[in-house]
Amino acid sequence: MFAFLVFSGVSLYFRYMRLALFFICLTAFFLLSMKIAKQIRKNRKSKRRMLLPLSM
């Protein structure tokens, strides 16, 4: 994913400045949303682990 960000930024920087900026923002937003989703999944998993011994 990071390679896509770098490649699109470098290749489009010289010709289409706005398009390169759009791709960089889009990739950064995508990476951020993936990081947030991963954190949410991790929190849910740890919550389930904490509840399991109490129910047994």
PDB file of N, CA and C in Angstrom:
ATOM      1  N   MET A   1       0.833  -1.194   0.000  1.00  0.00           N
ATOM      2  CA  MET A   1       0.000   0.000   0.000  1.00  0.00           C
ATOM      3  C   MET A   1       0.876   1.256   0.000  1.00  0.00           C
ATOM      4  N   PHE A   2       1.928   1.202   0.796  1.00  0.00           N
ATOM      5  CA  PHE A   2       2.826   2.352   0.848  1.00  0.00           C
ATOM      6  C   PHE A   2       3.530   2.558  -0.489  1.00  0.00           C
ATOM      7  N   ALA A   3       3.826   1.432  -1.167  1.00  0.00           N
ATOM      8  CA  ALA A   3       4.470   1.529  -2.482  1.00  0.00           C
ATOM      9  C   ALA A   3       3.553   2.228  -3.478  1.00  0.00           C
ATOM     10  N   PHE A   4       2.251   1.939  -3.409  1.00  0.00           N
ATOM     11  CA  PHE A   4       1.289   2.606  -4.286  1.00  0.00           C
ATOM     12  C   PHE A   4       1.268   4.109  -4.032  1.00  0.00           C
ATOM     13  N   LEU A   5       1.321   4.471  -2.772  1.00  0.00           N
ATOM     14  CA  LEU A   5       1.335   5.888  -2.402  1.00  0.00           C
ATOM     15  C   LEU A   5       2.559   6.592  -2.976  1.00  0.00           C
ATOM     16  N   VAL A   6       3.719   5.989  -2.819  1.00  0.00           N
ATOM     17  CA  VAL A   6       4.952   6.602  -3.299  1.00  0.00           C
ATOM     18  C   VAL A   6       4.975   6.653  -4.825  1.00  0.00           C
ATOM     19  N   PHE A   7       4.599   5.556  -5.462  1.00  0.00           N
ATOM     20  CA  PHE A   7       4.632   5.497  -6.923  1.00  0.00           C
ATOM     21  C   PHE A   7       3.686   6.508  -7.557  1.00  0.00           C
ATOM     22  N   SER A   8       2.464   6.574  -7.046  1.00  0.00           N
ATOM     23  CA  SER A   8       1.506   7.524  -7.623  1.00  0.00           C
ATOM     24  C   SER A   8       1.940   8.964  -7.362  1.00  0.00           C
ATOM     25  N   GLY A   9       2.496   9.211  -6.207  1.00  0.00           N
ATOM     26  CA  GLY A   9       2.962  10.560  -5.900  1.00  0.00           C
ATOM     27  C   GLY A   9       4.088  11.010  -6.798  1.00  0.00           C
ATOM     28  N   VAL A  10       5.043  10.131  -7.027  1.00  0.00           N
ATOM     29  CA  VAL A  10       6.207  10.489  -7.846  1.00  0.00           C
ATOM     30  C   VAL A  10       5.843  10.585  -9.319  1.00  0.00           C
ATOM     31  N   SER A  11       5.061   9.616  -9.811  1.00  0.00           N
ATOM     32  CA  SER A  11       4.769   9.597 -11.246  1.00  0.00           C
ATOM     33  C   SER A  11       3.826  10.722 -11.667  1.00  0.00           C
ATOM     34  N   LEU A  12       2.894  11.064 -10.827  1.00  0.00           N
ATOM     35  CA  LEU A  12       1.924  12.090 -11.191  1.00  0.00           C
ATOM     36  C   LEU A  12       2.335  13.494 -10.765  1.00  0.00           C
ATOM     37  N   TYR A  13       3.367  13.576  -9.944  1.00  0.00           N
ATOM     38  CA  TYR A  13       3.784  14.871  -9.413  1.00  0.00           C
ATOM     39  C   TYR A  13       4.181  15.839 -10.531  1.00  0.00           C
ATOM     40  N   PHE A  14       4.862  15.330 -11.524  1.00  0.00           N
ATOM     41  CA  PHE A  14       5.393  16.207 -12.560  1.00  0.00           C
ATOM     42  C   PHE A  14       4.331  16.658 -13.554  1.00  0.00           C
ATOM     43  N   ARG A  15       3.336  15.825 -13.827  1.00  0.00           N
ATOM     44  CA  ARG A  15       2.333  16.165 -14.836  1.00  0.00           C
ATOM     45  C   ARG A  15       1.046  16.717 -14.231  1.00  0.00           C
ATOM     46  N   TYR A  16       0.444  15.931 -13.362  1.00  0.00           N
ATOM     47  CA  TYR A  16      -0.875  16.293 -12.828  1.00  0.00           C
ATOM     48  C   TYR A  16      -0.770  16.465 -11.313  1.00  0.00           C
ATOM     49  N   MET A  17      -0.533  17.692 -10.895  1.00  0.00           N
ATOM     50  CA  MET A  17      -0.337  17.961  -9.476  1.00  0.00           C
ATOM     51  C   MET A  17      -1.599  17.660  -8.668  1.00  0.00           C
ATOM     52  N   ARG A  18      -2.755  18.068  -9.167  1.00  0.00           N
ATOM     53  CA  ARG A  18      -4.007  17.854  -8.426  1.00  0.00           C
ATOM     54  C   ARG A  18      -4.367  16.385  -8.328  1.00  0.00           C
ATOM     55  N   LEU A  19      -4.145  15.651  -9.409  1.00  0.00           N
ATOM     56  CA  LEU A  19      -4.450  14.217  -9.403  1.00  0.00           C
ATOM     57  C   LEU A  19      -3.538  13.469  -8.440  1.00  0.00           C
ATOM     58  N   ALA A  20      -2.275  13.850  -8.404  1.00  0.00           N
ATOM     59  CA  ALA A  20      -1.335  13.230  -7.468  1.00  0.00           C
ATOM     60  C   ALA A  20      -1.747  13.521  -6.028  1.00  0.00           C
ATOM     61  N   LEU A  21      -2.140  14.744  -5.766  1.00  0.00           N
ATOM     62  CA  LEU A  21      -2.580  15.107  -4.419  1.00  0.00           C
ATOM     63  C   LEU A  21      -3.835  14.338  -4.026  1.00  0.00           C
ATOM     64  N   PHE A  22      -4.756  14.163  -4.976  1.00  0.00           N
ATOM     65  CA  PHE A  22      -5.977  13.397  -4.720  1.00  0.00           C
ATOM     66  C   PHE A  22      -5.645  11.953  -4.368  1.00  0.00           C
ATOM     67  N   PHE A  23      -4.735  11.328  -5.134  1.00  0.00           N
ATOM     68  CA  PHE A  23      -4.370   9.942  -4.856  1.00  0.00           C
ATOM     69  C   PHE A  23      -3.684   9.806  -3.508  1.00  0.00           C
ATOM     70  N   ILE A  24      -2.841  10.765  -3.169  1.00  0.00           N
ATOM     71  CA  ILE A  24      -2.147  10.706  -1.890  1.00  0.00           C
ATOM     72  C   ILE A  24      -3.142  10.831  -0.735  1.00  0.00           C
ATOM     73  N   CYS A  25      -4.099  11.748  -0.856  1.00  0.00           N
ATOM     74  CA  CYS A  25      -5.114  11.908   0.188  1.00  0.00           C
ATOM     75  C   CYS A  25      -5.992  10.667   0.296  1.00  0.00           C
ATOM     76  N   LEU A  26      -6.361  10.106  -0.844  1.00  0.00           N
ATOM     77  CA  LEU A  26      -7.200   8.912  -0.859  1.00  0.00           C
ATOM     78  C   LEU A  26      -6.484   7.738  -0.194  1.00  0.00           C
ATOM     79  N   THR A  27      -5.216   7.556  -0.507  1.00  0.00           N
ATOM     80  CA  THR A  27      -4.461   6.458   0.083  1.00  0.00           C
ATOM     81  C   THR A  27      -4.265   6.671   1.583  1.00  0.00           C
ATOM     82  N   ALA A  28      -4.002   7.894   1.988  1.00  0.00           N
ATOM     83  CA  ALA A  28      -3.827   8.181   3.410  1.00  0.00           C
ATOM     84  C   ALA A  28      -5.123   7.924   4.172  1.00  0.00           C
ATOM     85  N   PHE A  29      -6.262   8.310   3.597  1.00  0.00           N
ATOM     86  CA  PHE A  29      -7.556   8.052   4.229  1.00  0.00           C
ATOM     87  C   PHE A  29      -7.822   6.557   4.337  1.00  0.00           C
ATOM     88  N   PHE A  30      -7.475   5.810   3.282  1.00  0.00           N
ATOM     89  CA  PHE A  30      -7.672   4.365   3.281  1.00  0.00           C
ATOM     90  C   PHE A  30      -6.815   3.697   4.347  1.00  0.00           C
ATOM     91  N   LEU A  31      -5.559   4.115   4.461  1.00  0.00           N
ATOM     92  CA  LEU A  31      -4.678   3.540   5.477  1.00  0.00           C
ATOM     93  C   LEU A  31      -5.176   3.855   6.886  1.00  0.00           C
ATOM     94  N   LEU A  32      -5.652   5.070   7.085  1.00  0.00           N
ATOM     95  CA  LEU A  32      -6.169   5.462   8.390  1.00  0.00           C
ATOM     96  C   LEU A  32      -7.404   4.655   8.765  1.00  0.00           C
ATOM     97  N   SER A  33      -8.315   4.462   7.803  1.00  0.00           N
ATOM     98  CA  SER A  33      -9.527   3.690   8.086  1.00  0.00           C
ATOM     99  C   SER A  33      -9.197   2.226   8.366  1.00  0.00           C
ATOM    100  N   MET A  34      -8.191   1.696   7.681  1.00  0.00           N
ATOM    101  CA  MET A  34      -7.779   0.313   7.958  1.00  0.00           C
ATOM    102  C   MET A  34      -7.194   0.191   9.358  1.00  0.00           C
ATOM    103  N   LYS A  35      -6.427   1.191   9.770  1.00  0.00           N
ATOM    104  CA  LYS A  35      -5.827   1.161  11.103  1.00  0.00           C
ATOM    105  C   LYS A  35      -6.902   1.236  12.185  1.00  0.00           C
ATOM    106  N   ILE A  36      -7.914   2.077  11.984  1.00  0.00           N
ATOM    107  CA  ILE A  36      -9.003   2.211  12.948  1.00  0.00           C
ATOM    108  C   ILE A  36      -9.808   0.918  13.022  1.00  0.00           C
ATOM    109  N   ALA A  37     -10.089   0.303  11.869  1.00  0.00           N
ATOM    110  CA  ALA A  37     -10.848  -0.953  11.853  1.00  0.00           C
ATOM    111  C   ALA A  37     -10.072  -2.059  12.567  1.00  0.00           C
ATOM    112  N   LYS A  38      -8.769  -2.089  12.397  1.00  0.00           N
ATOM    113  CA  LYS A  38      -7.940  -3.092  13.063  1.00  0.00           C
ATOM    114  C   LYS A  38      -7.982  -2.911  14.579  1.00  0.00           C
ATOM    115  N   GLN A  39      -7.940  -1.663  15.024  1.00  0.00           N
ATOM    116  CA  GLN A  39      -7.991  -1.374  16.464  1.00  0.00           C
ATOM    117  C   GLN A  39      -9.339  -1.789  17.043  1.00  0.00           C
ATOM    118  N   ILE A  40     -10.429  -1.534  16.320  1.00  0.00           N
ATOM    119  CA  ILE A  40     -11.766  -1.910  16.792  1.00  0.00           C
ATOM    120  C   ILE A  40     -11.883  -3.426  16.914  1.00  0.00           C
ATOM    121  N   ARG A  41     -11.374  -4.152  15.897  1.00  0.00           N
ATOM    122  CA  ARG A  41     -11.417  -5.614  15.950  1.00  0.00           C
ATOM    123  C   ARG A  41     -10.614  -6.148  17.125  1.00  0.00           C
ATOM    124  N   LYS A  42      -9.471  -5.540  17.376  1.00  0.00           N
ATOM    125  CA  LYS A  42      -8.628  -5.970  18.493  1.00  0.00           C
ATOM    126  C   LYS A  42      -9.327  -5.752  19.830  1.00  0.00           C
ATOM    127  N   ASN A  43     -10.000  -4.614  19.972  1.00  0.00           N
ATOM    128  CA  ASN A  43     -10.719  -4.326  21.211  1.00  0.00           C
ATOM    129  C   ASN A  43     -11.874  -5.291  21.432  1.00  0.00           C
ATOM    130  N   ARG A  44     -12.594  -5.620  20.370  1.00  0.00           N
ATOM    131  CA  ARG A  44     -13.702  -6.576  20.497  1.00  0.00           C
ATOM    132  C   ARG A  44     -13.200  -7.950  20.904  1.00  0.00           C
ATOM    133  N   LYS A  45     -12.082  -8.355  20.325  1.00  0.00           N
ATOM    134  CA  LYS A  45     -11.525  -9.670  20.631  1.00  0.00           C
ATOM    135  C   LYS A  45     -11.092  -9.740  22.090  1.00  0.00           C
ATOM    136  N   SER A  46     -10.461  -8.683  22.585  1.00  0.00           N
ATOM    137  CA  SER A  46     -10.007  -8.697  23.977  1.00  0.00           C
ATOM    138  C   SER A  46     -11.193  -8.650  24.940  1.00  0.00           C
ATOM    139  N   LYS A  47     -12.272  -7.964  24.547  1.00  0.00           N
ATOM    140  CA  LYS A  47     -13.478  -7.949  25.390  1.00  0.00           C
ATOM    141  C   LYS A  47     -14.069  -9.341  25.517  1.00  0.00           C
ATOM    142  N   ARG A  48     -14.123 -10.064  24.391  1.00  0.00           N
ATOM    143  CA  ARG A  48     -14.658 -11.424  24.417  1.00  0.00           C
ATOM    144  C   ARG A  48     -13.815 -12.324  25.292  1.00  0.00           C
ATOM    145  N   ARG A  49     -12.499 -12.155  25.251  1.00  0.00           N
ATOM    146  CA  ARG A  49     -11.619 -12.969  26.084  1.00  0.00           C
ATOM    147  C   ARG A  49     -11.842 -12.697  27.560  1.00  0.00           C
ATOM    148  N   MET A  50     -12.114 -11.448  27.895  1.00  0.00           N
ATOM    149  CA  MET A  50     -12.343 -11.107  29.298  1.00  0.00           C
ATOM    150  C   MET A  50     -13.662 -11.675  29.804  1.00  0.00           C
ATOM    151  N   LEU A  51     -14.664 -11.778  28.931  1.00  0.00           N
ATOM    152  CA  LEU A  51     -15.963 -12.289  29.360  1.00  0.00           C
ATOM    153  C   LEU A  51     -15.992 -13.815  29.458  1.00  0.00           C
ATOM    154  N   LEU A  52     -15.139 -14.491  28.742  1.00  0.00           N
ATOM    155  CA  LEU A  52     -15.178 -15.954  28.690  1.00  0.00           C
ATOM    156  C   LEU A  52     -14.960 -16.619  30.042  1.00  0.00           C
ATOM    157  N   PRO A  53     -13.951 -16.274  30.829  1.00  0.00           N
ATOM    158  CA  PRO A  53     -13.786 -16.957  32.109  1.00  0.00           C
ATOM    159  C   PRO A  53     -14.944 -16.713  33.089  1.00  0.00           C
ATOM    160  N   LEU A  54     -15.576 -15.580  32.997  1.00  0.00           N
ATOM    161  CA  LEU A  54     -16.686 -15.290  33.900  1.00  0.00           C
ATOM    162  C   LEU A  54     -17.899 -16.145  33.585  1.00  0.00           C
ATOM    163  N   SER A  55     -18.108 -16.440  32.308  1.00  0.00           N
ATOM    164  CA  SER A  55     -19.282 -17.233  31.949  1.00  0.00           C
ATOM    165  C   SER A  55     -19.073 -18.720  32.236  1.00  0.00           C
ATOM    166  N   MET A  56     -17.831 -19.163  32.332  1.00  0.00           N
ATOM    167  CA  MET A  56     -17.562 -20.563  32.620  1.00  0.00           C
ATOM    168  C   MET A  56     -17.726 -20.769  34.112  1.00  0.00           C
TER     169      MET A  56
END
